[in-house]
């Protein structure tokens, strides 16, 4: 009932126009972030990748055209579209598509071709955080939906659960996100679950005792034994475990407290503490662990920033009638 009330009121309350301008969408960020810019000194490939040579070092990245908040992940395989849902990081992992389908169905009944799938995802993410005890924020609206998916991009650019801290920083930088954005957005792992196959290496990896607290009560080894009991062999690779074992149903700052105790579920979580040789990341993790309101403020700022990456507006893309397929 609550979902129906939310979806039915959205189209009426938001009064969205399918021709919202870029300045209306995001006054806080540069309009140029919504376009694929051709920069001097870069060599481009037809696959929308670029390379920059500086002496003996070559830096590789992707153009704005190949990435963005455009609901491409919702597209099913159909015709010449190969769904991102089937990419290795997403298969058997991403869930909840039927919820988006239901919201879209209700909105199309109330106001056809008015609210995009991209905006639905953005609002659903905000509402999910708020309903689990996290912060509320006003989201920028007026996005349009992509006309294609990027299966190859999903395979190549979504960080793996065993990514190093350096790898995470590079990945976020390619999206225009800073180190603080990385740390704040990682806090989303205070809710949700991960498959055994995603953290199996975490269970068996040696030298994972870099914790802030002295483990005199063997909490760290106990945590690993719990995980090992859940993921005994490959037959249980798709078994799920909460990313935050302390408060899995609440959006709070326990993710950072867990990191300081060495109890982050994924290797890519724990590297925020174990691989931060300069101390910048560790200090921010500590700040969030002791000040939940600070985490909430920074999380909202980073969510707004991430939600504005290379969106489609105006006459770009379309507003899909069904989030799983492009319009006929």
Protein backbone atom coordinates (compact mmCIF):
# COMPACT_ATOMS: atom_id res chain seq x y z
CA UNK A 1 0.00 0.00 0.00
CA UNK A 2 2.79 2.41 0.91
CA UNK A 3 4.52 1.69 -2.40
CA UNK A 4 1.31 2.33 -4.35
CA UNK A 5 0.73 5.61 -2.48
CA UNK A 6 4.32 6.72 -3.12
CA UNK A 7 4.25 5.82 -6.79
CA UNK A 8 0.80 7.31 -7.41
CA UNK A 9 1.71 10.59 -5.74
CA UNK A 10 5.10 10.91 -7.43
CA UNK A 11 3.81 11.78 -10.89
CA UNK A 12 1.30 14.28 -9.53
CA UNK A 13 3.57 15.90 -6.95
CA UNK A 14 6.75 16.14 -9.02
CA UNK A 15 5.09 17.58 -12.13
CA UNK A 16 8.10 16.50 -14.15
CA UNK A 17 8.61 17.70 -17.70
CA UNK A 18 10.27 15.50 -20.28
CA UNK A 19 12.25 18.50 -21.48
CA UNK A 20 13.90 19.61 -18.23
CA UNK A 21 17.08 21.51 -18.95
CA UNK A 22 20.50 20.56 -17.64
CA UNK A 23 20.61 23.65 -15.46
CA UNK A 24 17.29 22.65 -13.90
CA UNK A 25 18.57 19.19 -13.21
CA UNK A 26 21.68 20.15 -11.32
CA UNK A 27 22.54 23.76 -10.51
CA UNK A 28 25.38 22.63 -8.29
CA UNK A 29 27.49 21.01 -10.99
CA UNK A 30 28.89 21.92 -14.37
CA UNK A 31 26.69 21.27 -17.39
CA UNK A 32 29.75 19.93 -19.21
CA UNK A 33 29.70 16.84 -16.98
CA UNK A 34 26.63 15.67 -18.92
CA UNK A 35 28.47 15.54 -22.22
CA UNK A 36 31.29 13.52 -23.69
CA UNK A 37 34.11 16.05 -23.98
CA UNK A 38 37.01 15.65 -26.39
CA UNK A 39 40.10 16.71 -24.48
CA UNK A 40 43.46 17.70 -25.88
CA UNK A 41 46.23 15.14 -25.41
CA UNK A 42 43.93 12.09 -25.34
CA UNK A 43 43.62 9.43 -28.05
CA UNK A 44 40.13 7.93 -28.42
CA UNK A 45 38.89 4.53 -29.57
CA UNK A 46 35.55 3.73 -31.17
CA UNK A 47 34.65 1.84 -27.98
CA UNK A 48 34.67 5.21 -26.14
CA UNK A 49 37.93 4.50 -24.33
CA UNK A 50 40.85 6.92 -24.20
CA UNK A 51 44.57 6.71 -23.50
CA UNK A 52 46.92 9.47 -22.36
CA UNK A 53 50.70 9.10 -22.71
CA UNK A 54 52.96 10.87 -20.19
CA UNK A 55 56.54 9.73 -20.70
CA UNK A 56 56.66 5.99 -20.09
CA UNK A 57 53.26 5.96 -18.36
CA UNK A 58 49.96 5.38 -20.17
CA UNK A 59 46.67 6.19 -18.42
CA UNK A 60 43.51 4.50 -19.75
CA UNK A 61 39.96 5.68 -19.11
CA UNK A 62 36.46 5.82 -20.56
CA UNK A 63 34.58 8.75 -21.99
CA UNK A 64 31.46 10.28 -20.50
CA UNK A 65 29.49 8.67 -23.34
CA UNK A 66 30.28 5.20 -21.98
CA UNK A 67 29.06 5.77 -18.45
CA UNK A 68 26.40 7.61 -16.50
CA UNK A 69 23.19 7.49 -14.47
CA UNK A 70 20.86 6.56 -17.32
CA UNK A 71 19.10 3.34 -16.18
CA UNK A 72 20.98 1.27 -18.76
CA UNK A 73 21.37 -1.47 -16.13
CA UNK A 74 17.59 -2.04 -16.19
CA UNK A 75 17.52 -3.08 -19.85
CA UNK A 76 16.97 -6.77 -20.60
CA UNK A 77 18.72 -8.60 -23.42
CA UNK A 78 16.68 -7.95 -26.55
CA UNK A 79 17.59 -7.52 -30.20
CA UNK A 80 21.07 -6.03 -30.40
CA UNK A 81 21.06 -5.10 -26.68
CA UNK A 82 23.11 -7.35 -24.37
CA UNK A 83 21.95 -6.69 -20.82
CA UNK A 84 24.32 -5.39 -18.16
CA UNK A 85 22.47 -7.69 -15.76
CA UNK A 86 24.44 -10.57 -17.28
CA UNK A 87 27.83 -8.94 -16.69
CA UNK A 88 30.03 -10.83 -14.24
CA UNK A 89 29.75 -8.28 -11.39
CA UNK A 90 25.95 -8.21 -11.72
CA UNK A 91 24.77 -11.72 -12.55
CA UNK A 92 23.10 -13.42 -9.55
CA UNK A 93 23.90 -10.27 -7.61
CA UNK A 94 21.66 -7.36 -8.63
CA UNK A 95 18.09 -7.87 -7.43
CA UNK A 96 14.84 -5.96 -6.94
CA UNK A 97 14.09 -5.19 -10.60
CA UNK A 98 10.46 -6.21 -10.10
CA UNK A 99 10.07 -3.37 -7.57
CA UNK A 100 11.14 -0.84 -10.19
CA UNK A 101 8.80 -2.52 -12.68
CA UNK A 102 5.84 -2.09 -10.32
CA UNK A 103 6.61 1.55 -9.57
CA UNK A 104 6.95 2.26 -13.29
CA UNK A 105 3.64 0.50 -14.02
CA UNK A 106 1.79 2.69 -11.52
CA UNK A 107 3.44 5.87 -12.77
CA UNK A 108 2.61 5.07 -16.38
CA UNK A 109 -1.02 4.60 -15.38
CA UNK A 110 -1.07 8.01 -13.69
CA UNK A 111 1.15 10.06 -16.04
CA UNK A 112 2.40 8.22 -19.15
CA UNK A 113 5.95 8.90 -20.36
CA UNK A 114 6.60 11.51 -17.67
CA UNK A 115 8.88 9.97 -15.02
CA UNK A 116 12.02 8.24 -16.31
CA UNK A 117 13.41 4.97 -15.04
CA UNK A 118 16.60 6.85 -14.15
CA UNK A 119 14.69 9.17 -11.83
CA UNK A 120 12.83 6.22 -10.31
CA UNK A 121 16.13 4.57 -9.39
CA UNK A 122 17.43 7.82 -7.93
CA UNK A 123 14.36 8.35 -5.76
CA UNK A 124 14.15 4.68 -4.78
CA UNK A 125 17.77 4.77 -3.59
CA UNK A 126 17.08 7.86 -1.47
CA UNK A 127 13.87 6.40 -0.04
CA UNK A 128 15.54 3.06 0.76
CA UNK A 129 18.22 4.84 2.77
CA UNK A 130 15.68 7.00 4.60
CA UNK A 131 13.33 4.12 5.43
CA UNK A 132 16.24 2.26 7.03
CA UNK A 133 17.10 5.15 9.35
CA UNK A 134 19.43 7.12 7.12
CA UNK A 135 19.29 10.74 5.94
CA UNK A 136 16.74 12.32 3.61
CA UNK A 137 17.73 14.62 0.78
CA UNK A 138 16.16 16.35 -2.18
CA UNK A 139 17.21 14.67 -5.40
CA UNK A 140 17.72 16.35 -8.75
CA UNK A 141 15.14 15.16 -11.28
CA UNK A 142 14.65 15.34 -15.02
CA UNK A 143 16.92 12.53 -16.18
CA UNK A 144 16.13 10.56 -19.31
CA UNK A 145 16.83 6.92 -20.08
CA UNK A 146 19.54 5.48 -22.29
CA UNK A 147 18.83 3.75 -25.59
CA UNK A 148 21.42 1.04 -25.07
CA UNK A 149 23.26 -1.00 -22.46
CA UNK A 150 27.00 -1.40 -21.92
CA UNK A 151 27.71 -5.05 -21.12
CA UNK A 152 31.43 -4.64 -21.80
CA UNK A 153 31.62 -1.49 -19.67
CA UNK A 154 29.91 -3.20 -16.74
CA UNK A 155 32.42 -6.03 -16.89
CA UNK A 156 35.39 -3.70 -17.14
CA UNK A 157 34.63 -0.78 -14.87
CA UNK A 158 32.57 -2.02 -11.90
CA UNK A 159 35.13 -2.52 -9.09
CA UNK A 160 35.65 -6.14 -8.04
CA UNK A 161 35.12 -7.09 -4.36
CA UNK A 162 38.86 -7.68 -4.00
CA UNK A 163 39.95 -4.36 -5.56
CA UNK A 164 42.88 -2.63 -3.88
CA UNK A 165 42.59 0.83 -2.36
CA UNK A 166 44.68 2.27 -5.20
CA UNK A 167 42.39 0.58 -7.72
CA UNK A 168 39.29 2.00 -6.02
CA UNK A 169 40.73 5.51 -5.97
CA UNK A 170 41.58 5.31 -9.69
CA UNK A 171 38.14 3.92 -10.52
CA UNK A 172 36.31 6.67 -8.64
CA UNK A 173 38.58 9.33 -10.11
CA UNK A 174 37.61 8.19 -13.61
CA UNK A 175 34.02 9.00 -12.66
CA UNK A 176 34.95 12.44 -11.35
CA UNK A 177 34.70 11.34 -7.70
CA UNK A 178 37.27 12.19 -5.04
CA UNK A 179 38.74 10.07 -2.25
CA UNK A 180 36.21 11.47 0.23
CA UNK A 181 33.42 10.40 -2.11
CA UNK A 182 34.89 6.89 -2.15
CA UNK A 183 34.95 6.71 1.64
CA UNK A 184 31.47 8.18 2.12
CA UNK A 185 29.79 6.11 -0.60
CA UNK A 186 31.42 2.94 0.72
CA UNK A 187 29.26 3.51 3.81
CA UNK A 188 26.29 2.30 1.75
CA UNK A 189 27.58 -1.15 2.69
CA UNK A 190 25.93 -0.64 6.06
CA UNK A 191 22.90 -2.29 4.40
CA UNK A 192 22.66 -5.02 1.81
CA UNK A 193 24.15 -8.47 1.35
CA UNK A 194 26.92 -10.13 -0.62
CA UNK A 195 27.34 -13.62 -2.04
CA UNK A 196 29.92 -16.02 -0.63
CA UNK A 197 31.78 -15.97 -3.92
CA UNK A 198 32.36 -12.24 -3.40
CA UNK A 199 34.14 -12.59 -0.06
CA UNK A 200 35.52 -16.13 -0.10
CA UNK A 201 39.01 -14.76 -0.66
CA UNK A 202 38.49 -12.55 2.39
CA UNK A 203 38.00 -15.63 4.57
CA UNK A 204 41.19 -17.36 3.46
CA UNK A 205 43.45 -14.36 2.86
CA UNK A 206 46.40 -14.25 5.28
CA UNK A 207 47.62 -11.15 7.10
CA UNK A 208 44.16 -9.62 7.52
CA UNK A 209 44.78 -8.65 11.15
CA UNK A 210 45.25 -4.94 10.54
CA UNK A 211 42.63 -3.64 12.98
CA UNK A 212 42.45 -0.52 15.09
CA UNK A 213 41.56 -2.43 18.27
CA UNK A 214 43.73 -5.07 19.93
CA UNK A 215 41.89 -8.33 19.27
CA UNK A 216 42.38 -9.74 22.76
CA UNK A 217 38.98 -11.46 22.71
CA UNK A 218 39.59 -13.01 19.26
CA UNK A 219 36.66 -11.16 17.72
CA UNK A 220 38.40 -11.02 14.36
CA UNK A 221 39.10 -14.76 14.17
CA UNK A 222 35.57 -15.48 15.43
CA UNK A 223 34.16 -13.33 12.63
CA UNK A 224 36.14 -15.26 10.05
CA UNK A 225 34.96 -18.57 11.51
CA UNK A 226 31.35 -17.41 11.15
CA UNK A 227 31.94 -16.52 7.51
CA UNK A 228 33.74 -19.80 6.88
CA UNK A 229 30.79 -21.76 8.29
CA UNK A 230 28.46 -19.97 5.88
CA UNK A 231 30.65 -20.53 2.83
CA UNK A 232 31.98 -24.05 3.34
CA UNK A 233 32.43 -24.94 -0.33
CA UNK A 234 31.63 -23.84 -3.87
CA UNK A 235 28.09 -25.24 -3.63
CA UNK A 236 27.29 -22.29 -1.38
CA UNK A 237 28.81 -19.58 -3.56
CA UNK A 238 25.43 -17.87 -3.93
CA UNK A 239 24.61 -17.90 -0.21
CA UNK A 240 24.16 -14.38 1.15
CA UNK A 241 25.74 -12.68 4.15
CA UNK A 242 25.01 -9.14 5.42
CA UNK A 243 27.63 -6.54 4.56
CA UNK A 244 27.18 -5.11 8.08
CA UNK A 245 26.94 -7.97 10.56
CA UNK A 246 26.16 -5.64 13.49
CA UNK A 247 23.10 -3.73 12.24
CA UNK A 248 22.26 -5.22 8.82
CA UNK A 249 18.75 -3.72 8.68
CA UNK A 250 19.69 -0.14 9.58
CA UNK A 251 21.46 2.60 7.68
CA UNK A 252 23.98 3.87 10.23
CA UNK A 253 27.73 4.27 10.74
CA UNK A 254 28.43 0.72 11.94
CA UNK A 255 30.10 -0.05 8.63
CA UNK A 256 33.03 2.13 9.70
CA UNK A 257 33.08 0.73 13.22
CA UNK A 258 33.29 -2.73 11.68
CA UNK A 259 36.24 -1.65 9.52
CA UNK A 260 38.18 -0.47 12.56
CA UNK A 261 37.61 -3.91 14.11
CA UNK A 262 38.67 -5.74 10.96
CA UNK A 263 35.12 -6.94 10.34
CA UNK A 264 34.42 -5.53 6.91
CA UNK A 265 32.94 -8.26 4.74
CA UNK A 266 34.68 -7.55 1.45
CA UNK A 267 38.39 -7.13 0.83
CA UNK A 268 37.53 -3.88 -0.96
CA UNK A 269 35.95 -2.69 2.31
CA UNK A 270 38.91 -3.54 4.53
CA UNK A 271 41.49 -1.93 2.25
CA UNK A 272 40.17 1.47 3.37
CA UNK A 273 42.03 0.78 6.60
CA UNK A 274 44.64 -1.87 5.81
CA UNK A 275 46.15 -0.23 2.68
CA UNK A 276 45.98 3.44 3.65
CA UNK A 277 49.66 4.12 4.20
CA UNK A 278 49.24 7.90 4.23
CA UNK A 279 46.50 7.88 6.88
CA UNK A 280 44.08 10.19 5.01
CA UNK A 281 41.46 7.48 4.43
CA UNK A 282 41.89 5.98 7.90
CA UNK A 283 41.30 9.34 9.56
CA UNK A 284 38.04 9.80 7.67
CA UNK A 285 36.91 6.25 8.52
CA UNK A 286 37.60 7.05 12.17
CA UNK A 287 35.65 10.34 11.94
CA UNK A 288 32.63 8.57 10.48
CA UNK A 289 32.87 5.81 13.10
CA UNK A 290 32.54 8.31 15.95
CA UNK A 291 30.22 10.84 14.27
CA UNK A 292 27.22 9.39 12.43
CA UNK A 293 25.82 12.81 11.53
CA UNK A 294 29.06 13.75 9.78
CA UNK A 295 28.82 10.54 7.76
CA UNK A 296 25.21 11.33 6.82
CA UNK A 297 26.11 14.85 5.64
CA UNK A 298 29.02 13.65 3.51
CA UNK A 299 27.08 10.67 2.19
CA UNK A 300 24.28 12.91 0.93
CA UNK A 301 26.76 15.25 -0.77
CA UNK A 302 28.49 12.33 -2.51
CA UNK A 303 25.18 10.73 -3.54
CA UNK A 304 24.10 13.98 -5.18
CA UNK A 305 27.44 14.18 -6.94
CA UNK A 306 27.31 10.57 -8.14
CA UNK A 307 23.69 10.90 -9.25
CA UNK A 308 24.69 13.74 -11.54
CA UNK A 309 27.35 11.86 -13.49
CA UNK A 310 26.74 12.12 -17.22
CA UNK A 311 22.96 12.12 -17.10
CA UNK A 312 20.82 12.38 -20.21
CA UNK A 313 18.39 15.34 -20.35
CA UNK A 314 16.48 17.45 -22.84
CA UNK A 315 16.15 15.55 -26.13
CA UNK A 316 18.85 12.98 -25.24
CA UNK A 317 17.74 9.40 -24.75
CA UNK A 318 14.07 8.83 -23.98
CA UNK A 319 11.58 8.23 -21.17
CA UNK A 320 10.93 4.49 -21.35
CA UNK A 321 7.44 3.11 -21.10
CA UNK A 322 8.87 -0.14 -19.72
CA UNK A 323 12.18 0.06 -17.87
CA UNK A 324 13.31 -3.28 -19.32
CA UNK A 325 13.04 -2.26 -22.98
CA UNK A 326 13.62 0.79 -25.16
CA UNK A 327 10.46 2.24 -26.68
CA UNK A 328 9.32 0.98 -30.07
